[in-house]
Amino acid sequence: MKRTPLMISAVMASSLAVMASATTAEAASRPAIAKSILNHRGISLATTHESGVRDKANAKQNIKDTAAGRKAKRSSYGTAPGGSVTLNKTMLNSMLKLNTAKRFTFKVTEVAGGSHSRGSKHYAGRAFDVGTINGKRVSTSGAGYNNAKKFMRACRSYGAVLVLGPGDSGHSTHVHCQW
């Protein structure tokens, strides 16, 4: 079959459309991504810390603040430094894609708030923790373990540079994804 200039133009236009749709999510603003996270029923955001402490630096408030164009607050207890931080856009995009593209439902327990190890990337706005995946609490056995391992692989596929979960010290009940 002989290719005509019109056929080549159609193929090029189609290729450009595919490339544009693939980068639409990456081009979205940080507040727009955060608003999408808030609006997805498959992503639940904790309103208290795993420690039981209540403050304005919980996961839901971190995403609400980002959606409003503000920095996310950090907690001021334990090893937490207080203050606020801009959440990493790639991390937010990945959080959204874990639900929309990979079809996980999950509960984010911490983003920039909470008390973590000194120097934790949570404090830099580059990590989040998940305690429930597809309706099962993260654990060291059964469905909670299997879901955690699948979720961890998916985080890595979106560029997470450190992913910890069951089998890693201090992470038997949650998955830590860091960019």
N, C-alpha and C. Protein backbone atom coordinates (compact mmCIF):
# COMPACT_ATOMS: atom_id res chain seq x y z
N MET A 1 0.84 -1.18 0.00
CA MET A 1 0.00 0.00 0.00
C MET A 1 0.89 1.24 0.00
N LYS A 2 0.59 2.14 -0.92
CA LYS A 2 1.37 3.36 -1.05
C LYS A 2 0.87 4.39 -0.03
N ARG A 3 1.80 5.01 0.68
CA ARG A 3 1.44 6.02 1.67
C ARG A 3 1.38 7.38 0.99
N THR A 4 0.28 8.06 1.19
CA THR A 4 0.12 9.40 0.63
C THR A 4 0.41 10.41 1.73
N PRO A 5 0.67 11.67 1.34
CA PRO A 5 0.90 12.71 2.35
C PRO A 5 -0.28 12.84 3.32
N LEU A 6 -1.50 12.64 2.84
CA LEU A 6 -2.67 12.74 3.71
C LEU A 6 -2.66 11.63 4.76
N MET A 7 -2.30 10.40 4.35
CA MET A 7 -2.23 9.28 5.28
C MET A 7 -1.14 9.52 6.33
N ILE A 8 -0.01 10.03 5.90
CA ILE A 8 1.08 10.30 6.83
C ILE A 8 0.66 11.37 7.83
N SER A 9 -0.03 12.41 7.36
CA SER A 9 -0.51 13.47 8.26
C SER A 9 -1.49 12.91 9.28
N ALA A 10 -2.36 12.01 8.86
CA ALA A 10 -3.33 11.40 9.78
C ALA A 10 -2.63 10.58 10.85
N VAL A 11 -1.61 9.82 10.45
CA VAL A 11 -0.85 9.01 11.41
C VAL A 11 -0.12 9.92 12.39
N MET A 12 0.49 10.99 11.88
CA MET A 12 1.20 11.92 12.75
C MET A 12 0.25 12.59 13.73
N ALA A 13 -0.93 13.00 13.26
CA ALA A 13 -1.92 13.63 14.14
C ALA A 13 -2.37 12.66 15.22
N SER A 14 -2.59 11.41 14.85
CA SER A 14 -2.98 10.40 15.81
C SER A 14 -1.90 10.18 16.86
N SER A 15 -0.66 10.11 16.42
CA SER A 15 0.46 9.94 17.34
C SER A 15 0.59 11.11 18.30
N LEU A 16 0.42 12.32 17.79
CA LEU A 16 0.48 13.50 18.64
C LEU A 16 -0.64 13.51 19.67
N ALA A 17 -1.83 13.08 19.29
CA ALA A 17 -2.96 13.02 20.22
C ALA A 17 -2.68 12.03 21.34
N VAL A 18 -2.10 10.90 21.02
CA VAL A 18 -1.76 9.90 22.03
C VAL A 18 -0.70 10.46 22.97
N MET A 19 0.31 11.12 22.43
CA MET A 19 1.36 11.71 23.26
C MET A 19 0.78 12.79 24.16
N ALA A 20 -0.13 13.61 23.65
CA ALA A 20 -0.73 14.67 24.44
C ALA A 20 -1.55 14.11 25.59
N SER A 21 -2.35 13.07 25.33
CA SER A 21 -3.17 12.50 26.41
C SER A 21 -2.31 11.82 27.45
N ALA A 22 -1.18 11.26 27.05
CA ALA A 22 -0.29 10.60 28.00
C ALA A 22 0.36 11.60 28.95
N THR A 23 0.54 12.84 28.49
CA THR A 23 1.19 13.82 29.35
C THR A 23 0.21 14.77 30.03
N THR A 24 -1.09 14.63 29.78
CA THR A 24 -2.07 15.52 30.40
C THR A 24 -2.00 15.47 31.91
N ALA A 25 -1.95 14.27 32.50
CA ALA A 25 -1.89 14.15 33.95
C ALA A 25 -0.61 14.80 34.49
N GLU A 26 0.51 14.60 33.79
CA GLU A 26 1.76 15.18 34.25
C GLU A 26 1.74 16.71 34.14
N ALA A 27 0.98 17.24 33.20
CA ALA A 27 0.92 18.69 32.99
C ALA A 27 -0.04 19.37 33.95
N ALA A 28 -0.93 18.62 34.61
CA ALA A 28 -1.90 19.21 35.52
C ALA A 28 -1.17 19.90 36.67
N SER A 29 -1.79 20.93 37.18
CA SER A 29 -1.18 21.66 38.29
C SER A 29 -1.28 20.84 39.59
N ARG A 30 -0.42 21.16 40.53
CA ARG A 30 -0.42 20.50 41.83
C ARG A 30 -1.80 20.62 42.49
N PRO A 31 -2.42 21.81 42.52
CA PRO A 31 -3.77 21.90 43.11
C PRO A 31 -4.81 21.05 42.37
N ALA A 32 -4.72 20.99 41.04
CA ALA A 32 -5.69 20.19 40.27
C ALA A 32 -5.54 18.71 40.59
N ILE A 33 -4.32 18.23 40.73
CA ILE A 33 -4.11 16.83 41.08
C ILE A 33 -4.68 16.56 42.47
N ALA A 34 -4.40 17.46 43.41
CA ALA A 34 -4.90 17.28 44.78
C ALA A 34 -6.43 17.27 44.81
N LYS A 35 -7.06 18.14 44.01
CA LYS A 35 -8.53 18.14 43.93
C LYS A 35 -9.05 16.81 43.39
N SER A 36 -8.36 16.26 42.40
CA SER A 36 -8.75 14.95 41.86
C SER A 36 -8.64 13.86 42.93
N ILE A 37 -7.58 13.92 43.73
CA ILE A 37 -7.42 12.94 44.81
C ILE A 37 -8.59 13.05 45.78
N LEU A 38 -8.95 14.28 46.14
CA LEU A 38 -10.07 14.49 47.07
C LEU A 38 -11.39 13.96 46.51
N ASN A 39 -11.54 14.01 45.19
CA ASN A 39 -12.80 13.62 44.56
C ASN A 39 -12.90 12.14 44.19
N HIS A 40 -11.83 11.38 44.35
CA HIS A 40 -11.87 9.96 44.00
C HIS A 40 -12.29 9.12 45.20
N ARG A 41 -13.39 8.41 45.04
CA ARG A 41 -13.91 7.59 46.13
C ARG A 41 -12.98 6.45 46.49
N GLY A 42 -12.11 6.05 45.61
CA GLY A 42 -11.19 4.95 45.89
C GLY A 42 -9.99 5.33 46.73
N ILE A 43 -9.84 6.64 47.00
CA ILE A 43 -8.73 7.12 47.84
C ILE A 43 -9.33 7.73 49.10
N SER A 44 -9.05 7.11 50.22
CA SER A 44 -9.51 7.61 51.52
C SER A 44 -8.33 8.29 52.20
N LEU A 45 -8.58 9.39 52.87
CA LEU A 45 -7.51 10.16 53.52
C LEU A 45 -7.80 10.28 55.01
N ALA A 46 -6.86 9.85 55.83
CA ALA A 46 -7.04 9.87 57.29
C ALA A 46 -7.17 11.29 57.81
N THR A 47 -7.99 11.43 58.85
CA THR A 47 -8.17 12.74 59.49
C THR A 47 -7.51 12.79 60.86
N THR A 48 -6.92 11.68 61.29
CA THR A 48 -6.12 11.64 62.52
C THR A 48 -4.85 10.86 62.18
N HIS A 49 -3.87 11.01 63.04
CA HIS A 49 -2.61 10.29 62.85
C HIS A 49 -2.71 8.90 63.46
N GLU A 50 -1.90 7.98 62.97
CA GLU A 50 -1.87 6.63 63.52
C GLU A 50 -1.57 6.66 65.01
N SER A 51 -0.85 7.66 65.48
CA SER A 51 -0.51 7.81 66.90
C SER A 51 -1.73 8.21 67.73
N GLY A 52 -2.80 8.66 67.06
CA GLY A 52 -3.98 9.15 67.76
C GLY A 52 -3.99 10.67 67.92
N VAL A 53 -2.86 11.31 67.63
CA VAL A 53 -2.77 12.76 67.73
C VAL A 53 -3.66 13.40 66.66
N ARG A 54 -4.33 14.46 67.05
CA ARG A 54 -5.17 15.22 66.11
C ARG A 54 -4.54 16.60 65.93
N ASP A 55 -4.31 16.97 64.68
CA ASP A 55 -3.81 18.30 64.36
C ASP A 55 -4.21 18.65 62.94
N LYS A 56 -3.76 19.78 62.46
CA LYS A 56 -4.10 20.23 61.10
C LYS A 56 -3.09 19.74 60.07
N ALA A 57 -2.33 18.68 60.42
CA ALA A 57 -1.34 18.14 59.50
C ALA A 57 -1.68 16.70 59.11
N ASN A 58 -2.96 16.33 59.22
CA ASN A 58 -3.35 14.97 58.84
C ASN A 58 -3.40 14.83 57.32
N ALA A 59 -3.50 13.60 56.84
CA ALA A 59 -3.43 13.34 55.39
C ALA A 59 -4.49 14.11 54.62
N LYS A 60 -5.73 14.10 55.12
CA LYS A 60 -6.80 14.79 54.40
C LYS A 60 -6.53 16.29 54.33
N GLN A 61 -6.12 16.88 55.46
CA GLN A 61 -5.84 18.31 55.47
C GLN A 61 -4.65 18.66 54.58
N ASN A 62 -3.63 17.79 54.53
CA ASN A 62 -2.49 18.02 53.63
C ASN A 62 -2.96 18.14 52.18
N ILE A 63 -3.86 17.24 51.76
CA ILE A 63 -4.35 17.27 50.37
C ILE A 63 -5.29 18.45 50.16
N LYS A 64 -6.13 18.77 51.15
CA LYS A 64 -7.02 19.95 51.04
C LYS A 64 -6.20 21.22 50.90
N ASP A 65 -5.17 21.36 51.71
CA ASP A 65 -4.32 22.56 51.63
C ASP A 65 -3.67 22.66 50.25
N THR A 66 -3.18 21.55 49.74
CA THR A 66 -2.54 21.54 48.42
C THR A 66 -3.56 21.89 47.34
N ALA A 67 -4.77 21.36 47.44
CA ALA A 67 -5.83 21.66 46.47
C ALA A 67 -6.17 23.15 46.47
N ALA A 68 -6.00 23.80 47.62
CA ALA A 68 -6.28 25.24 47.74
C ALA A 68 -5.06 26.09 47.37
N GLY A 69 -3.98 25.44 46.92
CA GLY A 69 -2.79 26.17 46.52
C GLY A 69 -1.87 26.56 47.67
N ARG A 70 -2.10 25.95 48.84
CA ARG A 70 -1.27 26.23 50.01
C ARG A 70 -0.28 25.10 50.25
N LYS A 71 0.72 25.37 51.07
CA LYS A 71 1.64 24.33 51.50
C LYS A 71 0.93 23.42 52.49
N ALA A 72 1.38 22.18 52.57
CA ALA A 72 0.85 21.20 53.52
C ALA A 72 1.55 21.39 54.86
N LYS A 73 0.78 21.32 55.93
CA LYS A 73 1.36 21.48 57.27
C LYS A 73 2.04 20.19 57.71
N ARG A 74 3.12 20.36 58.50
CA ARG A 74 3.78 19.24 59.15
C ARG A 74 3.42 19.28 60.62
N SER A 75 3.37 18.13 61.26
CA SER A 75 3.06 18.06 62.69
C SER A 75 4.20 18.66 63.51
N SER A 76 3.88 18.92 64.79
CA SER A 76 4.87 19.50 65.71
C SER A 76 4.99 18.65 66.97
N TYR A 77 4.96 17.34 66.85
CA TYR A 77 5.14 16.46 68.01
C TYR A 77 6.16 15.38 67.66
N GLY A 78 6.72 14.75 68.68
CA GLY A 78 7.73 13.71 68.45
C GLY A 78 8.91 14.28 67.68
N THR A 79 9.28 13.62 66.59
CA THR A 79 10.42 14.08 65.78
C THR A 79 9.99 15.02 64.65
N ALA A 80 8.68 15.29 64.56
CA ALA A 80 8.18 16.16 63.47
C ALA A 80 8.67 17.59 63.66
N PRO A 81 9.10 18.23 62.56
CA PRO A 81 9.71 19.55 62.65
C PRO A 81 8.75 20.73 62.67
N GLY A 82 7.46 20.51 62.45
CA GLY A 82 6.53 21.63 62.35
C GLY A 82 6.73 22.36 61.02
N GLY A 83 6.04 23.47 60.86
CA GLY A 83 6.15 24.24 59.63
C GLY A 83 5.27 23.66 58.53
N SER A 84 5.64 23.93 57.30
CA SER A 84 4.86 23.45 56.16
C SER A 84 5.78 23.16 54.98
N VAL A 85 5.22 22.45 53.98
CA VAL A 85 6.03 22.00 52.85
C VAL A 85 5.13 21.88 51.62
N THR A 86 5.72 22.09 50.46
CA THR A 86 5.03 21.86 49.18
C THR A 86 5.11 20.37 48.87
N LEU A 87 3.95 19.74 48.62
CA LEU A 87 3.95 18.32 48.29
C LEU A 87 4.48 18.09 46.88
N ASN A 88 5.28 17.06 46.73
CA ASN A 88 5.90 16.70 45.46
C ASN A 88 4.83 16.32 44.43
N LYS A 89 4.89 16.94 43.28
CA LYS A 89 3.89 16.73 42.23
C LYS A 89 3.89 15.31 41.68
N THR A 90 5.06 14.71 41.50
CA THR A 90 5.15 13.34 41.01
C THR A 90 4.52 12.38 42.02
N MET A 91 4.76 12.61 43.30
CA MET A 91 4.15 11.79 44.34
C MET A 91 2.63 11.89 44.28
N LEU A 92 2.10 13.11 44.17
CA LEU A 92 0.65 13.30 44.09
C LEU A 92 0.07 12.61 42.86
N ASN A 93 0.73 12.79 41.73
CA ASN A 93 0.29 12.17 40.48
C ASN A 93 0.27 10.65 40.61
N SER A 94 1.29 10.11 41.25
CA SER A 94 1.37 8.66 41.45
C SER A 94 0.27 8.17 42.38
N MET A 95 0.00 8.93 43.44
CA MET A 95 -1.08 8.58 44.36
C MET A 95 -2.40 8.46 43.59
N LEU A 96 -2.66 9.42 42.73
CA LEU A 96 -3.88 9.42 41.93
C LEU A 96 -3.90 8.23 40.97
N LYS A 97 -2.79 8.01 40.26
CA LYS A 97 -2.72 6.91 39.28
C LYS A 97 -2.84 5.53 39.92
N LEU A 98 -2.39 5.39 41.16
CA LEU A 98 -2.53 4.11 41.84
C LEU A 98 -4.00 3.71 41.93
N ASN A 99 -4.88 4.71 41.98
CA ASN A 99 -6.31 4.44 41.98
C ASN A 99 -6.88 4.41 40.57
N THR A 100 -6.61 5.43 39.77
CA THR A 100 -7.27 5.55 38.47
C THR A 100 -6.74 4.58 37.43
N ALA A 101 -5.43 4.33 37.43
CA ALA A 101 -4.84 3.45 36.41
C ALA A 101 -4.63 2.02 36.93
N LYS A 102 -4.15 1.89 38.14
CA LYS A 102 -3.86 0.56 38.69
C LYS A 102 -5.06 -0.04 39.43
N ARG A 103 -6.09 0.77 39.66
CA ARG A 103 -7.36 0.32 40.26
C ARG A 103 -7.27 -0.14 41.71
N PHE A 104 -6.31 0.38 42.45
CA PHE A 104 -6.26 0.10 43.88
C PHE A 104 -7.22 1.05 44.59
N THR A 105 -7.88 0.56 45.62
CA THR A 105 -8.56 1.44 46.57
C THR A 105 -7.68 1.40 47.81
N PHE A 106 -7.50 2.55 48.46
CA PHE A 106 -6.57 2.58 49.59
C PHE A 106 -6.83 3.76 50.51
N LYS A 107 -6.30 3.62 51.74
CA LYS A 107 -6.39 4.70 52.73
C LYS A 107 -4.99 5.23 53.01
N VAL A 108 -4.81 6.51 52.73
CA VAL A 108 -3.55 7.19 53.02
C VAL A 108 -3.60 7.60 54.49
N THR A 109 -2.64 7.11 55.27
CA THR A 109 -2.62 7.41 56.70
C THR A 109 -1.75 8.62 57.04
N GLU A 110 -0.71 8.85 56.26
CA GLU A 110 0.18 10.00 56.50
C GLU A 110 0.74 10.53 55.19
N VAL A 111 0.92 11.85 55.15
CA VAL A 111 1.64 12.47 54.04
C VAL A 111 2.77 13.29 54.68
N ALA A 112 2.58 14.57 54.89
CA ALA A 112 3.64 15.41 55.48
C ALA A 112 3.55 15.48 57.00
N GLY A 113 2.41 15.08 57.55
CA GLY A 113 2.21 15.13 59.00
C GLY A 113 2.67 13.86 59.68
N GLY A 114 2.45 13.81 60.99
CA GLY A 114 2.84 12.64 61.78
C GLY A 114 4.28 12.76 62.24
N SER A 115 4.67 11.81 63.08
CA SER A 115 6.04 11.75 63.59
C SER A 115 6.71 10.53 62.99
N HIS A 116 7.79 10.76 62.27
CA HIS A 116 8.53 9.71 61.57
C HIS A 116 9.99 9.76 62.00
N SER A 117 10.81 8.92 61.40
CA SER A 117 12.24 8.95 61.72
C SER A 117 12.83 10.30 61.31
N ARG A 118 13.86 10.70 62.01
CA ARG A 118 14.51 11.98 61.69
C ARG A 118 14.97 11.98 60.23
N GLY A 119 14.73 13.07 59.54
CA GLY A 119 15.12 13.19 58.13
C GLY A 119 14.17 12.50 57.17
N SER A 120 13.04 12.03 57.67
CA SER A 120 12.06 11.34 56.81
C SER A 120 11.64 12.23 55.65
N LYS A 121 11.44 11.61 54.49
CA LYS A 121 10.99 12.35 53.31
C LYS A 121 9.53 12.78 53.42
N HIS A 122 8.81 12.29 54.43
CA HIS A 122 7.47 12.82 54.70
C HIS A 122 7.59 14.33 54.96
N TYR A 123 8.62 14.71 55.72
CA TYR A 123 8.82 16.11 56.09
C TYR A 123 9.19 16.98 54.89
N ALA A 124 9.67 16.36 53.83
CA ALA A 124 10.02 17.08 52.59
C ALA A 124 8.86 17.04 51.60
N GLY A 125 7.73 16.42 51.98
CA GLY A 125 6.57 16.34 51.09
C GLY A 125 6.76 15.34 49.96
N ARG A 126 7.61 14.32 50.18
CA ARG A 126 7.95 13.38 49.11
C ARG A 126 7.55 11.93 49.43
N ALA A 127 6.74 11.71 50.48
CA ALA A 127 6.36 10.34 50.85
C ALA A 127 4.95 10.31 51.41
N PHE A 128 4.30 9.15 51.23
CA PHE A 128 3.02 8.92 51.89
C PHE A 128 2.96 7.47 52.36
N ASP A 129 2.12 7.24 53.39
CA ASP A 129 1.92 5.91 53.94
C ASP A 129 0.49 5.46 53.67
N VAL A 130 0.32 4.16 53.49
CA VAL A 130 -0.99 3.56 53.23
C VAL A 130 -1.19 2.42 54.21
N GLY A 131 -2.34 2.40 54.90
CA GLY A 131 -2.61 1.36 55.89
C GLY A 131 -3.63 0.33 55.47
N THR A 132 -4.45 0.66 54.47
CA THR A 132 -5.47 -0.27 53.98
C THR A 132 -5.44 -0.26 52.46
N ILE A 133 -5.46 -1.45 51.87
CA ILE A 133 -5.43 -1.57 50.40
C ILE A 133 -6.52 -2.55 49.99
N ASN A 134 -7.37 -2.12 49.07
CA ASN A 134 -8.48 -2.95 48.58
C ASN A 134 -9.30 -3.55 49.72
N GLY A 135 -9.54 -2.72 50.74
CA GLY A 135 -10.39 -3.12 51.86
C GLY A 135 -9.72 -3.97 52.92
N LYS A 136 -8.44 -4.26 52.79
CA LYS A 136 -7.72 -5.09 53.76
C LYS A 136 -6.60 -4.30 54.41
N ARG A 137 -6.50 -4.39 55.75
CA ARG A 137 -5.40 -3.74 56.46
C ARG A 137 -4.08 -4.38 56.02
N VAL A 138 -3.08 -3.56 55.83
CA VAL A 138 -1.75 -4.07 55.49
C VAL A 138 -1.27 -4.93 56.67
N SER A 139 -0.76 -6.12 56.37
CA SER A 139 -0.32 -7.03 57.40
C SER A 139 0.80 -7.93 56.87
N THR A 140 1.27 -8.82 57.72
CA THR A 140 2.37 -9.70 57.35
C THR A 140 1.91 -11.03 56.78
N SER A 141 0.59 -11.21 56.60
CA SER A 141 0.10 -12.47 56.03
C SER A 141 -1.24 -12.25 55.32
N GLY A 142 -1.64 -13.22 54.54
CA GLY A 142 -2.95 -13.22 53.89
C GLY A 142 -3.12 -12.12 52.86
N ALA A 143 -4.39 -11.71 52.69
CA ALA A 143 -4.73 -10.70 51.68
C ALA A 143 -4.05 -9.36 51.96
N GLY A 144 -3.91 -9.00 53.23
CA GLY A 144 -3.24 -7.74 53.58
C GLY A 144 -1.81 -7.70 53.10
N TYR A 145 -1.15 -8.83 53.18
CA TYR A 145 0.24 -8.95 52.72
C TYR A 145 0.30 -8.95 51.18
N ASN A 146 -0.55 -9.75 50.56
CA ASN A 146 -0.56 -9.84 49.09
C ASN A 146 -0.89 -8.50 48.45
N ASN A 147 -1.90 -7.80 48.98
CA ASN A 147 -2.25 -6.47 48.46
C ASN A 147 -1.08 -5.50 48.62
N ALA A 148 -0.43 -5.56 49.78
CA ALA A 148 0.71 -4.67 50.04
C ALA A 148 1.82 -4.89 49.03
N LYS A 149 2.14 -6.13 48.74
CA LYS A 149 3.22 -6.42 47.80
C LYS A 149 2.88 -5.92 46.39
N LYS A 150 1.63 -6.09 45.96
CA LYS A 150 1.20 -5.59 44.65
C LYS A 150 1.27 -4.06 44.62
N PHE A 151 0.81 -3.43 45.69
CA PHE A 151 0.82 -1.96 45.79
C PHE A 151 2.26 -1.45 45.75
N MET A 152 3.15 -2.13 46.45
CA MET A 152 4.56 -1.73 46.48
C MET A 152 5.18 -1.78 45.08
N ARG A 153 4.87 -2.84 44.34
CA ARG A 153 5.37 -2.94 42.96
C ARG A 153 4.83 -1.79 42.11
N ALA A 154 3.56 -1.47 42.30
CA ALA A 154 2.95 -0.38 41.53
C ALA A 154 3.60 0.96 41.86
N CYS A 155 3.90 1.19 43.13
CA CYS A 155 4.59 2.44 43.52
C CYS A 155 5.94 2.54 42.81
N ARG A 156 6.66 1.44 42.80
CA ARG A 156 7.96 1.43 42.11
C ARG A 156 7.79 1.72 40.62
N SER A 157 6.71 1.20 40.03
CA SER A 157 6.49 1.42 38.59
C SER A 157 6.24 2.89 38.28
N TYR A 158 5.83 3.67 39.28
CA TYR A 158 5.62 5.11 39.10
C TYR A 158 6.82 5.93 39.57
N GLY A 159 7.93 5.26 39.81
CA GLY A 159 9.16 5.97 40.10
C GLY A 159 9.50 6.16 41.57
N ALA A 160 8.77 5.51 42.47
CA ALA A 160 9.12 5.63 43.89
C ALA A 160 10.54 5.10 44.08
N VAL A 161 11.35 5.85 44.83
CA VAL A 161 12.75 5.49 45.02
C VAL A 161 12.97 4.66 46.28
N LEU A 162 12.00 4.68 47.19
CA LEU A 162 12.05 3.85 48.39
C LEU A 162 10.64 3.41 48.70
N VAL A 163 10.45 2.10 48.75
CA VAL A 163 9.14 1.53 49.07
C VAL A 163 9.36 0.49 50.16
N LEU A 164 8.68 0.68 51.29
CA LEU A 164 8.81 -0.23 52.42
C LEU A 164 7.43 -0.75 52.81
N GLY A 165 7.39 -1.96 53.34
CA GLY A 165 6.13 -2.57 53.77
C GLY A 165 6.40 -3.81 54.57
N PRO A 166 5.41 -4.71 54.66
CA PRO A 166 5.60 -5.94 55.43
C PRO A 166 6.90 -6.65 55.02
N GLY A 167 7.66 -7.02 56.05
CA GLY A 167 8.97 -7.62 55.81
C GLY A 167 10.10 -6.63 56.04
N ASP A 168 9.76 -5.33 56.06
CA ASP A 168 10.75 -4.28 56.34
C ASP A 168 10.53 -3.79 57.77
N SER A 169 11.60 -3.57 58.49
CA SER A 169 11.54 -3.14 59.88
C SER A 169 10.64 -1.90 60.04
N GLY A 170 9.70 -1.98 60.98
CA GLY A 170 8.82 -0.84 61.28
C GLY A 170 7.70 -0.63 60.30
N HIS A 171 7.51 -1.55 59.35
CA HIS A 171 6.50 -1.35 58.30
C HIS A 171 5.57 -2.56 58.12
N SER A 172 5.29 -3.27 59.21
CA SER A 172 4.44 -4.46 59.11
C SER A 172 2.96 -4.12 58.94
N THR A 173 2.58 -2.86 59.25
CA THR A 173 1.16 -2.48 59.17
C THR A 173 0.87 -1.39 58.15
N HIS A 174 1.88 -0.98 57.41
CA HIS A 174 1.64 0.04 56.38
C HIS A 174 2.71 -0.03 55.30
N VAL A 175 2.36 0.57 54.16
CA VAL A 175 3.30 0.69 53.04
C VAL A 175 3.75 2.14 52.98
N HIS A 176 5.05 2.34 52.87
CA HIS A 176 5.66 3.66 52.74
C HIS A 176 6.15 3.80 51.30
N CYS A 177 5.68 4.82 50.59
CA CYS A 177 6.09 5.08 49.20
C CYS A 177 6.74 6.46 49.15
N GLN A 178 7.96 6.53 48.63
CA GLN A 178 8.74 7.76 48.67
C GLN A 178 9.32 8.10 47.31
N TRP A 179 9.21 9.38 46.95
CA TRP A 179 9.76 9.89 45.69
C TRP A 179 10.86 10.86 45.96
